């Protein structure tokens, strides 16, 4: 029977190791490194786009909050202006109504006095008119 040789052939092992290392370097240079570059570039573009989108969303939120704050501030200013203006207008209205009432009262009092004077004058003329009418009627009856 033939004997089994368990001692490795050093030259053969060195040649196989050289072929393995050569193939490993070739695969690394021709396949792995280009793949890793493309993958890193794609990740950078995707992550960069996502980061840019996050920045834009953050800016939009800040702008929205700023606009909302300005709108609330303008609303408060308008509310204060309305209250102030309404109070001032109420005071002016009250003054105008009071002045108009006083003017109307004065005017009506003057007219009332004139009517009383006219009535008094007309009442003074009534006896003369009655006397004249009685005389005319009596004269007409006697004729």
N, C-alpha and C. Protein backbone atom coordinates (compact mmCIF):
# COMPACT_ATOMS: atom_id res chain seq x y z
N UNK A 1 0.80 -1.14 0.00
CA UNK A 1 0.00 0.00 0.00
C UNK A 1 0.87 1.23 0.00
N UNK A 2 0.30 2.17 -0.61
CA UNK A 2 1.10 3.38 -0.74
C UNK A 2 0.95 4.20 0.53
N UNK A 3 1.91 4.90 0.84
CA UNK A 3 1.85 5.68 2.06
C UNK A 3 1.30 7.07 1.77
N UNK A 4 0.64 7.56 2.71
CA UNK A 4 0.01 8.88 2.59
C UNK A 4 1.01 9.92 3.03
N UNK A 5 1.24 10.93 2.15
CA UNK A 5 2.19 11.97 2.46
C UNK A 5 1.43 13.16 3.03
N UNK A 6 1.57 13.45 4.28
CA UNK A 6 0.87 14.53 4.95
C UNK A 6 1.72 15.79 5.06
N UNK A 7 2.83 15.84 4.51
CA UNK A 7 3.69 17.01 4.57
C UNK A 7 3.33 17.90 3.37
N UNK A 8 3.03 19.16 3.62
CA UNK A 8 2.63 20.03 2.52
C UNK A 8 3.82 20.38 1.64
N UNK A 9 3.51 20.56 0.38
CA UNK A 9 4.53 20.95 -0.58
C UNK A 9 4.63 22.46 -0.49
N UNK A 10 5.74 22.98 -0.06
CA UNK A 10 5.93 24.38 0.20
C UNK A 10 5.80 25.19 -1.08
N UNK A 11 6.34 24.76 -2.16
CA UNK A 11 6.28 25.49 -3.41
C UNK A 11 4.85 25.62 -3.91
N UNK A 12 4.11 24.53 -3.79
CA UNK A 12 2.73 24.54 -4.22
C UNK A 12 1.89 25.47 -3.34
N UNK A 13 2.11 25.46 -2.06
CA UNK A 13 1.38 26.33 -1.14
C UNK A 13 1.71 27.78 -1.45
N UNK A 14 2.96 28.10 -1.73
CA UNK A 14 3.35 29.46 -2.05
C UNK A 14 2.71 29.92 -3.36
N UNK A 15 2.66 29.06 -4.36
CA UNK A 15 2.04 29.41 -5.64
C UNK A 15 0.55 29.66 -5.45
N UNK A 16 -0.12 28.78 -4.69
CA UNK A 16 -1.56 28.96 -4.44
C UNK A 16 -1.83 30.23 -3.62
N UNK A 17 -0.98 30.52 -2.66
CA UNK A 17 -1.13 31.73 -1.86
C UNK A 17 -0.93 32.96 -2.76
N UNK A 18 0.05 32.90 -3.69
CA UNK A 18 0.28 34.01 -4.61
C UNK A 18 -0.92 34.23 -5.52
N UNK A 19 -1.48 33.14 -6.04
CA UNK A 19 -2.66 33.25 -6.89
C UNK A 19 -3.83 33.82 -6.09
N UNK A 20 -4.00 33.36 -4.87
CA UNK A 20 -5.09 33.85 -4.03
C UNK A 20 -4.94 35.34 -3.76
N UNK A 21 -3.73 35.76 -3.40
CA UNK A 21 -3.49 37.18 -3.09
C UNK A 21 -3.68 38.02 -4.35
N UNK A 22 -3.19 37.51 -5.51
CA UNK A 22 -3.37 38.23 -6.78
C UNK A 22 -4.85 38.39 -7.09
N UNK A 23 -5.61 37.31 -6.95
CA UNK A 23 -7.07 37.38 -7.19
C UNK A 23 -7.76 38.31 -6.17
N UNK A 24 -7.32 38.25 -4.94
CA UNK A 24 -7.90 39.10 -3.91
C UNK A 24 -7.66 40.58 -4.25
N UNK A 25 -6.45 40.92 -4.67
CA UNK A 25 -6.13 42.30 -5.03
C UNK A 25 -6.92 42.72 -6.26
N UNK A 26 -6.99 41.84 -7.27
CA UNK A 26 -7.72 42.17 -8.50
C UNK A 26 -9.20 42.40 -8.20
N UNK A 27 -9.81 41.50 -7.43
CA UNK A 27 -11.23 41.65 -7.10
C UNK A 27 -11.44 42.92 -6.29
N UNK A 28 -10.56 43.20 -5.37
CA UNK A 28 -10.69 44.41 -4.56
C UNK A 28 -10.61 45.65 -5.44
N UNK A 29 -9.61 45.72 -6.32
CA UNK A 29 -9.42 46.90 -7.17
C UNK A 29 -10.50 47.01 -8.24
N UNK A 30 -10.92 45.93 -8.85
CA UNK A 30 -11.84 45.98 -9.97
C UNK A 30 -13.32 45.93 -9.56
N UNK A 31 -13.63 45.36 -8.41
CA UNK A 31 -15.04 45.20 -8.05
C UNK A 31 -15.42 45.86 -6.73
N UNK A 32 -14.70 45.61 -5.69
CA UNK A 32 -15.10 46.05 -4.36
C UNK A 32 -14.93 47.57 -4.22
N UNK A 33 -13.77 48.11 -4.58
CA UNK A 33 -13.55 49.55 -4.42
C UNK A 33 -14.51 50.38 -5.28
N UNK A 34 -14.73 50.06 -6.58
CA UNK A 34 -15.72 50.82 -7.34
C UNK A 34 -17.13 50.72 -6.73
N UNK A 35 -17.48 49.53 -6.27
CA UNK A 35 -18.80 49.37 -5.64
C UNK A 35 -18.91 50.23 -4.38
N UNK A 36 -17.89 50.22 -3.55
CA UNK A 36 -17.91 51.02 -2.32
C UNK A 36 -17.95 52.52 -2.64
N UNK A 37 -17.23 52.95 -3.69
CA UNK A 37 -17.28 54.36 -4.08
C UNK A 37 -18.68 54.75 -4.52
N UNK A 38 -19.28 53.93 -5.39
CA UNK A 38 -20.64 54.22 -5.85
C UNK A 38 -21.63 54.21 -4.69
N UNK A 39 -21.49 53.25 -3.81
CA UNK A 39 -22.39 53.16 -2.66
C UNK A 39 -22.24 54.38 -1.75
N UNK A 40 -21.00 54.78 -1.50
CA UNK A 40 -20.78 55.96 -0.66
C UNK A 40 -21.33 57.23 -1.33
N UNK A 41 -21.15 57.33 -2.65
CA UNK A 41 -21.67 58.48 -3.39
C UNK A 41 -23.20 58.51 -3.32
N UNK A 42 -23.83 57.36 -3.52
CA UNK A 42 -25.29 57.29 -3.47
C UNK A 42 -25.80 57.61 -2.06
N UNK A 43 -25.14 57.07 -1.05
CA UNK A 43 -25.54 57.37 0.33
C UNK A 43 -25.37 58.85 0.63
N UNK A 44 -24.26 59.42 0.15
CA UNK A 44 -24.02 60.85 0.38
C UNK A 44 -25.10 61.69 -0.30
N UNK A 45 -25.47 61.33 -1.52
CA UNK A 45 -26.51 62.08 -2.22
C UNK A 45 -27.86 61.92 -1.53
N UNK A 46 -28.17 60.70 -1.13
CA UNK A 46 -29.45 60.44 -0.47
C UNK A 46 -29.48 61.12 0.89
N UNK A 47 -28.44 60.92 1.67
CA UNK A 47 -28.39 61.54 3.00
C UNK A 47 -28.33 63.05 2.87
N UNK A 48 -27.55 63.54 1.89
CA UNK A 48 -27.47 64.98 1.67
C UNK A 48 -28.82 65.55 1.30
N UNK A 49 -29.56 64.84 0.44
CA UNK A 49 -30.91 65.28 0.07
C UNK A 49 -31.84 65.26 1.26
N UNK A 50 -31.71 64.24 2.07
CA UNK A 50 -32.55 64.16 3.27
C UNK A 50 -32.19 65.27 4.24
N UNK A 51 -30.91 65.52 4.41
CA UNK A 51 -30.49 66.61 5.30
C UNK A 51 -30.97 67.95 4.78
N UNK A 52 -30.87 68.14 3.46
CA UNK A 52 -31.35 69.39 2.86
C UNK A 52 -32.85 69.53 3.06
N UNK A 53 -33.58 68.42 2.88
CA UNK A 53 -35.03 68.45 3.08
C UNK A 53 -35.35 68.77 4.54
N UNK A 54 -34.61 68.21 5.47
CA UNK A 54 -34.83 68.51 6.89
C UNK A 54 -34.58 69.99 7.17
N UNK A 55 -33.53 70.55 6.57
CA UNK A 55 -33.24 71.97 6.75
C UNK A 55 -34.37 72.83 6.19
N UNK A 56 -34.86 72.46 5.01
CA UNK A 56 -35.95 73.22 4.39
C UNK A 56 -37.21 73.14 5.24
N UNK A 57 -37.51 71.94 5.74
CA UNK A 57 -38.70 71.77 6.60
C UNK A 57 -38.55 72.61 7.86
N UNK A 58 -37.36 72.62 8.45
CA UNK A 58 -37.12 73.42 9.65
C UNK A 58 -37.29 74.91 9.35
N UNK A 59 -36.75 75.36 8.21
CA UNK A 59 -36.91 76.76 7.83
C UNK A 59 -38.38 77.10 7.61
N UNK A 60 -39.12 76.20 6.97
CA UNK A 60 -40.55 76.43 6.74
C UNK A 60 -41.30 76.53 8.06
N UNK A 61 -40.97 75.67 9.00
CA UNK A 61 -41.63 75.71 10.31
C UNK A 61 -41.30 77.02 11.02
N UNK A 62 -40.05 77.45 10.96
CA UNK A 62 -39.66 78.70 11.60
C UNK A 62 -40.37 79.88 10.95
N UNK A 63 -40.44 79.87 9.63
CA UNK A 63 -41.13 80.94 8.92
C UNK A 63 -42.61 80.94 9.27
N UNK A 64 -43.21 79.75 9.32
CA UNK A 64 -44.62 79.63 9.68
C UNK A 64 -44.87 80.16 11.09
N UNK A 65 -44.02 79.81 12.03
CA UNK A 65 -44.16 80.29 13.40
C UNK A 65 -44.00 81.81 13.45
N UNK A 66 -43.04 82.33 12.69
CA UNK A 66 -42.83 83.78 12.65
C UNK A 66 -44.07 84.49 12.10
N UNK A 67 -44.62 83.96 11.01
CA UNK A 67 -45.81 84.57 10.42
C UNK A 67 -46.98 84.49 11.39
N UNK A 68 -47.14 83.34 12.02
CA UNK A 68 -48.24 83.19 12.99
C UNK A 68 -48.08 84.17 14.15
N UNK A 69 -46.85 84.35 14.61
CA UNK A 69 -46.58 85.30 15.68
C UNK A 69 -46.92 86.72 15.24
N UNK A 70 -46.55 87.08 14.02
CA UNK A 70 -46.84 88.42 13.51
C UNK A 70 -48.35 88.62 13.35
N UNK A 71 -49.04 87.58 12.89
CA UNK A 71 -50.50 87.67 12.74
C UNK A 71 -51.16 87.86 14.11
N UNK A 72 -50.71 87.10 15.10
CA UNK A 72 -51.27 87.25 16.46
C UNK A 72 -50.99 88.63 17.02
N UNK A 73 -49.79 89.14 16.78
CA UNK A 73 -49.45 90.48 17.26
C UNK A 73 -50.32 91.53 16.57
N UNK A 74 -50.50 91.40 15.27
CA UNK A 74 -51.35 92.35 14.53
C UNK A 74 -52.79 92.26 15.02
N UNK A 75 -53.27 91.05 15.31
CA UNK A 75 -54.63 90.87 15.82
C UNK A 75 -54.79 91.59 17.16
N UNK A 76 -53.81 91.45 18.03
CA UNK A 76 -53.87 92.12 19.34
C UNK A 76 -53.85 93.63 19.17
N UNK A 77 -53.02 94.13 18.26
CA UNK A 77 -52.96 95.57 18.03
C UNK A 77 -54.29 96.09 17.50
N UNK A 78 -54.87 95.36 16.56
CA UNK A 78 -56.17 95.77 16.00
C UNK A 78 -57.25 95.71 17.07
N UNK A 79 -57.19 94.69 17.91
CA UNK A 79 -58.17 94.55 19.00
C UNK A 79 -58.06 95.74 19.95
N UNK A 80 -56.84 96.09 20.34
CA UNK A 80 -56.64 97.24 21.23
C UNK A 80 -57.12 98.53 20.56
N UNK A 81 -56.80 98.69 19.28
CA UNK A 81 -57.23 99.88 18.54
C UNK A 81 -58.75 99.95 18.48
N UNK A 82 -59.39 98.81 18.24
CA UNK A 82 -60.85 98.77 18.16
C UNK A 82 -61.48 99.16 19.49
N UNK A 83 -60.94 98.63 20.58
CA UNK A 83 -61.48 98.96 21.90
C UNK A 83 -61.31 100.46 22.18
N UNK A 84 -60.13 100.98 21.88
CA UNK A 84 -59.88 102.41 22.11
C UNK A 84 -60.80 103.26 21.25
N UNK A 85 -60.90 102.91 19.99
CA UNK A 85 -61.73 103.68 19.07
C UNK A 85 -63.20 103.59 19.46
N UNK A 86 -63.63 102.41 19.85
CA UNK A 86 -65.03 102.23 20.24
C UNK A 86 -65.36 103.07 21.47
N UNK A 87 -64.45 103.09 22.43
CA UNK A 87 -64.67 103.91 23.63
C UNK A 87 -64.74 105.39 23.28
N UNK A 88 -63.82 105.82 22.43
CA UNK A 88 -63.81 107.23 22.01
C UNK A 88 -65.08 107.57 21.25
N UNK A 89 -65.50 106.67 20.36
CA UNK A 89 -66.72 106.91 19.58
C UNK A 89 -67.95 106.93 20.48
N UNK A 90 -67.98 106.09 21.49
CA UNK A 90 -69.11 106.09 22.43
C UNK A 90 -69.18 107.41 23.19
N UNK A 91 -68.04 107.91 23.60
CA UNK A 91 -68.02 109.19 24.30
C UNK A 91 -68.49 110.32 23.38
N UNK A 92 -68.02 110.32 22.14
CA UNK A 92 -68.44 111.35 21.18
C UNK A 92 -69.94 111.24 20.91
N UNK A 93 -70.42 110.01 20.77
CA UNK A 93 -71.85 109.81 20.51
C UNK A 93 -72.67 110.34 21.68
N UNK A 94 -72.25 109.99 22.88
CA UNK A 94 -72.98 110.45 24.07
C UNK A 94 -73.00 111.98 24.11
N UNK A 95 -71.85 112.61 23.84
CA UNK A 95 -71.78 114.07 23.86
C UNK A 95 -72.68 114.67 22.78
N UNK A 96 -72.64 114.10 21.58
CA UNK A 96 -73.48 114.62 20.50
C UNK A 96 -74.97 114.48 20.83
N UNK A 97 -75.35 113.33 21.38
CA UNK A 97 -76.76 113.11 21.73
C UNK A 97 -77.18 114.08 22.82
N UNK A 98 -76.32 114.26 23.82
CA UNK A 98 -76.65 115.18 24.91
C UNK A 98 -76.78 116.60 24.38
N UNK A 99 -75.84 117.02 23.54
CA UNK A 99 -75.92 118.36 22.96
C UNK A 99 -77.17 118.53 22.11
N UNK A 100 -77.51 117.51 21.32
CA UNK A 100 -78.71 117.58 20.47
C UNK A 100 -79.97 117.66 21.32
N UNK A 101 -80.00 116.90 22.42
CA UNK A 101 -81.17 116.97 23.31
C UNK A 101 -81.31 118.36 23.92
N UNK A 102 -80.20 118.92 24.35
CA UNK A 102 -80.25 120.26 24.93
C UNK A 102 -80.70 121.28 23.90
N UNK A 103 -80.18 121.19 22.68
CA UNK A 103 -80.56 122.12 21.62
C UNK A 103 -82.04 121.97 21.28
N UNK A 104 -82.50 120.72 21.20
CA UNK A 104 -83.92 120.48 20.90
C UNK A 104 -84.80 121.03 22.02
N UNK A 105 -84.38 120.84 23.27
CA UNK A 105 -85.16 121.34 24.40
C UNK A 105 -85.24 122.86 24.35
N UNK A 106 -84.11 123.50 24.08
CA UNK A 106 -84.09 124.96 23.98
C UNK A 106 -85.00 125.43 22.86
N UNK A 107 -84.92 124.78 21.70
CA UNK A 107 -85.75 125.14 20.55
C UNK A 107 -87.23 124.96 20.87
N UNK A 108 -87.58 123.83 21.49
CA UNK A 108 -88.98 123.57 21.84
C UNK A 108 -89.48 124.56 22.90
N UNK A 109 -88.63 124.90 23.85
CA UNK A 109 -89.02 125.90 24.86
C UNK A 109 -89.30 127.25 24.20
N UNK A 110 -88.44 127.64 23.25
CA UNK A 110 -88.67 128.90 22.53
C UNK A 110 -89.99 128.86 21.76
N UNK A 111 -90.25 127.79 21.07
CA UNK A 111 -91.50 127.66 20.32
C UNK A 111 -92.69 127.68 21.27
N UNK A 112 -92.58 127.02 22.40
CA UNK A 112 -93.66 126.98 23.39
C UNK A 112 -93.95 128.39 23.90
N UNK A 113 -92.89 129.16 24.17
CA UNK A 113 -93.08 130.55 24.63
C UNK A 113 -93.78 131.38 23.56
N UNK A 114 -93.35 131.21 22.30
CA UNK A 114 -93.97 131.97 21.22
C UNK A 114 -95.44 131.59 21.08
N UNK A 115 -95.73 130.29 21.19
CA UNK A 115 -97.12 129.85 21.09
C UNK A 115 -97.97 130.41 22.24
N UNK A 116 -97.40 130.42 23.43
CA UNK A 116 -98.12 130.98 24.57
C UNK A 116 -98.38 132.47 24.36
N UNK A 117 -97.38 133.20 23.85
CA UNK A 117 -97.56 134.63 23.58
C UNK A 117 -98.63 134.84 22.52
N UNK A 118 -98.56 134.05 21.43
CA UNK A 118 -99.58 134.17 20.38
C UNK A 118 -100.96 133.83 20.91
N UNK A 119 -101.03 132.80 21.74
CA UNK A 119 -102.30 132.41 22.31
C UNK A 119 -102.84 133.52 23.22
N UNK A 120 -101.98 134.10 23.99
CA UNK A 120 -102.39 135.19 24.89
C UNK A 120 -102.91 136.38 24.06
N UNK A 121 -102.18 136.69 22.97
CA UNK A 121 -102.64 137.79 22.11
C UNK A 121 -104.00 137.46 21.48
N UNK A 122 -104.15 136.22 21.04
CA UNK A 122 -105.42 135.83 20.42
C UNK A 122 -106.55 135.83 21.45
N UNK A 123 -106.24 135.44 22.69
CA UNK A 123 -107.26 135.46 23.73
C UNK A 123 -107.68 136.90 24.06
N UNK A 124 -106.75 137.83 23.96
CA UNK A 124 -107.10 139.24 24.19
C UNK A 124 -108.00 139.78 23.08
N UNK A 125 -107.85 139.23 21.87
CA UNK A 125 -108.67 139.68 20.75
C UNK A 125 -110.07 139.05 20.78
N UNK A 126 -110.25 137.95 21.46
CA UNK A 126 -111.53 137.23 21.47
C UNK A 126 -112.67 138.13 21.96
N UNK A 127 -112.59 138.85 23.08
CA UNK A 127 -113.71 139.69 23.51
C UNK A 127 -114.08 140.73 22.46
N UNK A 128 -113.10 141.32 21.81
CA UNK A 128 -113.40 142.33 20.79
C UNK A 128 -114.12 141.69 19.61
N UNK A 129 -113.63 140.48 19.18
CA UNK A 129 -114.26 139.78 18.07
C UNK A 129 -115.69 139.37 18.42
N UNK A 130 -115.88 138.91 19.64
CA UNK A 130 -117.21 138.49 20.07
C UNK A 130 -118.14 139.71 20.09
N UNK A 131 -117.66 140.80 20.62
CA UNK A 131 -118.46 142.03 20.65
C UNK A 131 -118.81 142.46 19.24
N UNK A 132 -117.85 142.42 18.33
CA UNK A 132 -118.08 142.79 16.95
C UNK A 132 -119.09 141.87 16.29
N UNK A 133 -118.96 140.56 16.52
CA UNK A 133 -119.89 139.59 15.93
C UNK A 133 -121.29 139.76 16.52
N UNK A 134 -121.37 140.01 17.80
CA UNK A 134 -122.69 140.21 18.43
C UNK A 134 -123.34 141.45 17.84
N UNK A 135 -122.56 142.52 17.71
CA UNK A 135 -123.10 143.76 17.13
C UNK A 135 -123.58 143.52 15.71
N UNK A 136 -122.83 142.83 14.91
CA UNK A 136 -123.20 142.57 13.53
C UNK A 136 -124.45 141.69 13.47
N UNK A 137 -124.46 140.67 14.31
CA UNK A 137 -125.62 139.77 14.33
C UNK A 137 -126.86 140.53 14.79
N UNK A 138 -126.76 141.31 15.83
CA UNK A 138 -127.88 142.11 16.32
C UNK A 138 -128.38 143.11 15.29
N UNK A 139 -127.41 143.72 14.59
CA UNK A 139 -127.76 144.66 13.55
C UNK A 139 -128.46 143.95 12.39
N UNK A 140 -127.98 142.76 12.05
CA UNK A 140 -128.58 142.02 10.97
C UNK A 140 -129.95 141.53 11.34
N UNK A 141 -130.19 141.18 12.57
CA UNK A 141 -131.49 140.71 13.01
C UNK A 141 -132.48 141.89 13.04
N UNK A 142 -132.06 143.04 13.42
CA UNK A 142 -132.93 144.20 13.50
C UNK A 142 -133.23 144.78 12.11
N UNK A 143 -132.63 144.56 11.23
CA UNK A 143 -132.91 145.12 9.92
C UNK A 143 -133.98 144.43 9.27
